[in-house]
């Protein structure tokens, strides 16, 4: 009986870290950096766009 419980515990421990490796979790930290990059590019491009619109 104890051996079956030991096998079950070792299987559950091996399966525990698996949900941390889902693809959605790796994209999430990239979103703030992506948003900062978009804001940075738009701030850099704003004077050029204004000059183009002014003629």
N, C-alpha and C. Protein backbone atom coordinates (compact mmCIF):
# COMPACT_ATOMS: atom_id res chain seq x y z
N UNK A 1 0.82 -1.19 0.00
CA UNK A 1 0.00 0.00 0.00
C UNK A 1 0.87 1.26 0.00
N UNK A 2 1.93 1.25 0.79
CA UNK A 2 2.79 2.43 0.87
C UNK A 2 3.54 2.65 -0.44
N UNK A 3 3.90 1.56 -1.14
CA UNK A 3 4.61 1.70 -2.40
C UNK A 3 3.72 2.38 -3.46
N UNK A 4 2.43 2.02 -3.48
CA UNK A 4 1.52 2.66 -4.42
C UNK A 4 1.36 4.14 -4.15
N UNK A 5 1.35 4.50 -2.86
CA UNK A 5 1.23 5.91 -2.49
C UNK A 5 2.49 6.66 -2.88
N UNK A 6 3.65 6.02 -2.74
CA UNK A 6 4.92 6.63 -3.10
C UNK A 6 4.98 6.91 -4.60
N UNK A 7 4.52 5.96 -5.40
CA UNK A 7 4.51 6.14 -6.85
C UNK A 7 3.57 7.28 -7.22
N UNK A 8 2.40 7.32 -6.58
CA UNK A 8 1.43 8.37 -6.89
C UNK A 8 1.99 9.75 -6.53
N UNK A 9 2.70 9.85 -5.38
CA UNK A 9 3.28 11.13 -4.96
C UNK A 9 4.38 11.58 -5.92
N UNK A 10 5.22 10.65 -6.36
CA UNK A 10 6.30 11.04 -7.25
C UNK A 10 5.76 11.47 -8.61
N UNK A 11 4.68 10.85 -9.06
CA UNK A 11 4.08 11.25 -10.34
C UNK A 11 3.47 12.65 -10.21
N UNK A 12 2.77 12.90 -9.09
CA UNK A 12 2.14 14.21 -8.92
C UNK A 12 3.19 15.30 -8.76
N UNK A 13 4.32 15.00 -8.11
CA UNK A 13 5.37 16.00 -7.97
C UNK A 13 6.01 16.32 -9.31
N UNK A 14 6.14 15.30 -10.15
CA UNK A 14 6.72 15.52 -11.47
C UNK A 14 5.78 16.35 -12.35
N UNK A 15 4.49 16.18 -12.16
CA UNK A 15 3.52 16.87 -12.99
C UNK A 15 3.22 18.27 -12.48
N UNK A 16 3.65 18.60 -11.26
CA UNK A 16 3.32 19.89 -10.67
C UNK A 16 3.92 21.09 -11.42
N UNK A 17 5.22 21.10 -11.79
CA UNK A 17 5.77 22.29 -12.45
C UNK A 17 5.26 22.49 -13.88
N UNK A 18 4.55 21.52 -14.43
CA UNK A 18 4.16 21.61 -15.84
C UNK A 18 3.30 22.82 -16.19
N UNK A 19 2.29 23.20 -15.38
CA UNK A 19 1.47 24.36 -15.77
C UNK A 19 2.25 25.67 -15.86
N UNK A 20 3.42 25.75 -15.22
CA UNK A 20 4.23 26.97 -15.30
C UNK A 20 4.83 27.17 -16.69
N UNK A 21 4.92 26.08 -17.45
CA UNK A 21 5.56 26.17 -18.77
C UNK A 21 4.58 26.40 -19.91
N UNK A 22 3.38 26.89 -19.60
CA UNK A 22 2.40 27.09 -20.68
C UNK A 22 2.81 28.28 -21.54
N UNK A 23 2.48 28.28 -22.84
CA UNK A 23 2.92 29.35 -23.74
C UNK A 23 2.36 30.72 -23.37
N UNK A 24 1.20 30.78 -22.75
CA UNK A 24 0.63 32.07 -22.38
C UNK A 24 1.45 32.79 -21.33
N UNK A 25 2.11 32.05 -20.47
CA UNK A 25 2.91 32.66 -19.43
C UNK A 25 4.19 33.30 -19.94
N UNK A 26 4.70 32.88 -21.06
CA UNK A 26 5.94 33.45 -21.58
C UNK A 26 5.68 34.73 -22.36
N UNK A 27 4.48 34.89 -22.90
CA UNK A 27 4.16 36.08 -23.68
C UNK A 27 3.82 37.25 -22.76
N UNK A 28 3.23 36.94 -21.62
CA UNK A 28 2.75 37.99 -20.71
C UNK A 28 3.82 38.97 -20.27
N UNK A 29 5.05 38.56 -19.87
CA UNK A 29 6.06 39.55 -19.48
C UNK A 29 6.55 40.40 -20.65
N UNK A 30 6.32 39.95 -21.88
CA UNK A 30 6.78 40.71 -23.04
C UNK A 30 5.87 41.89 -23.36
N UNK A 31 4.61 41.84 -22.92
CA UNK A 31 3.65 42.88 -23.27
C UNK A 31 4.03 44.26 -22.73
N UNK A 32 4.45 44.43 -21.48
CA UNK A 32 4.85 45.77 -21.05
C UNK A 32 6.03 46.33 -21.83
N UNK A 33 6.99 45.49 -22.18
CA UNK A 33 8.14 45.93 -22.96
C UNK A 33 7.70 46.34 -24.36
N UNK A 34 6.77 45.59 -24.92
CA UNK A 34 6.25 45.92 -26.25
C UNK A 34 5.50 47.24 -26.22
N UNK A 35 4.72 47.45 -25.18
CA UNK A 35 3.98 48.71 -25.03
C UNK A 35 4.93 49.89 -24.86
N UNK A 36 5.99 49.70 -24.08
CA UNK A 36 7.00 50.77 -23.93
C UNK A 36 7.66 51.08 -25.26
N UNK A 37 7.94 50.05 -26.05
CA UNK A 37 8.56 50.27 -27.36
C UNK A 37 7.65 51.04 -28.29
N UNK A 38 6.37 50.72 -28.29
CA UNK A 38 5.42 51.44 -29.14
C UNK A 38 5.32 52.89 -28.71
N UNK A 39 5.27 53.15 -27.41
CA UNK A 39 5.21 54.54 -26.92
C UNK A 39 6.49 55.29 -27.29
N UNK A 40 7.63 54.64 -27.16
CA UNK A 40 8.91 55.27 -27.47
C UNK A 40 9.00 55.65 -28.94
N UNK A 41 8.59 54.74 -29.82
CA UNK A 41 8.63 55.01 -31.26
C UNK A 41 7.65 56.13 -31.62
N UNK A 42 6.47 56.12 -31.01
CA UNK A 42 5.49 57.16 -31.33
C UNK A 42 5.96 58.53 -30.85
N UNK A 43 6.65 58.58 -29.70
CA UNK A 43 7.19 59.86 -29.22
C UNK A 43 8.30 60.35 -30.14
N UNK A 44 9.12 59.44 -30.64
CA UNK A 44 10.17 59.84 -31.58
C UNK A 44 9.59 60.30 -32.92
N UNK A 45 8.53 59.66 -33.35
CA UNK A 45 7.96 59.97 -34.66
C UNK A 45 7.06 61.19 -34.64
N UNK A 46 6.59 61.63 -33.47
CA UNK A 46 5.63 62.74 -33.39
C UNK A 46 6.12 64.03 -34.05
N UNK A 47 7.34 64.49 -33.83
CA UNK A 47 7.78 65.74 -34.50
C UNK A 47 7.82 65.61 -36.03
N UNK A 48 8.20 64.44 -36.51
CA UNK A 48 8.26 64.24 -37.96
C UNK A 48 6.87 64.23 -38.58
N UNK A 49 5.94 63.61 -37.89
CA UNK A 49 4.55 63.59 -38.37
C UNK A 49 3.98 65.00 -38.34
N UNK A 50 4.29 65.76 -37.29
CA UNK A 50 3.82 67.15 -37.19
C UNK A 50 4.41 68.01 -38.30
N UNK A 51 5.68 67.80 -38.62
CA UNK A 51 6.32 68.56 -39.69
C UNK A 51 5.72 68.21 -41.04
N UNK A 52 5.40 66.95 -41.25
CA UNK A 52 4.77 66.53 -42.51
C UNK A 52 3.38 67.13 -42.65
N UNK A 53 2.62 67.17 -41.57
CA UNK A 53 1.29 67.73 -41.61
C UNK A 53 1.32 69.25 -41.78
N UNK A 54 2.33 69.89 -41.22
CA UNK A 54 2.43 71.35 -41.34
C UNK A 54 2.86 71.75 -42.74
N UNK A 55 3.52 70.84 -43.43
CA UNK A 55 3.95 71.14 -44.80
C UNK A 55 5.30 71.76 -44.77
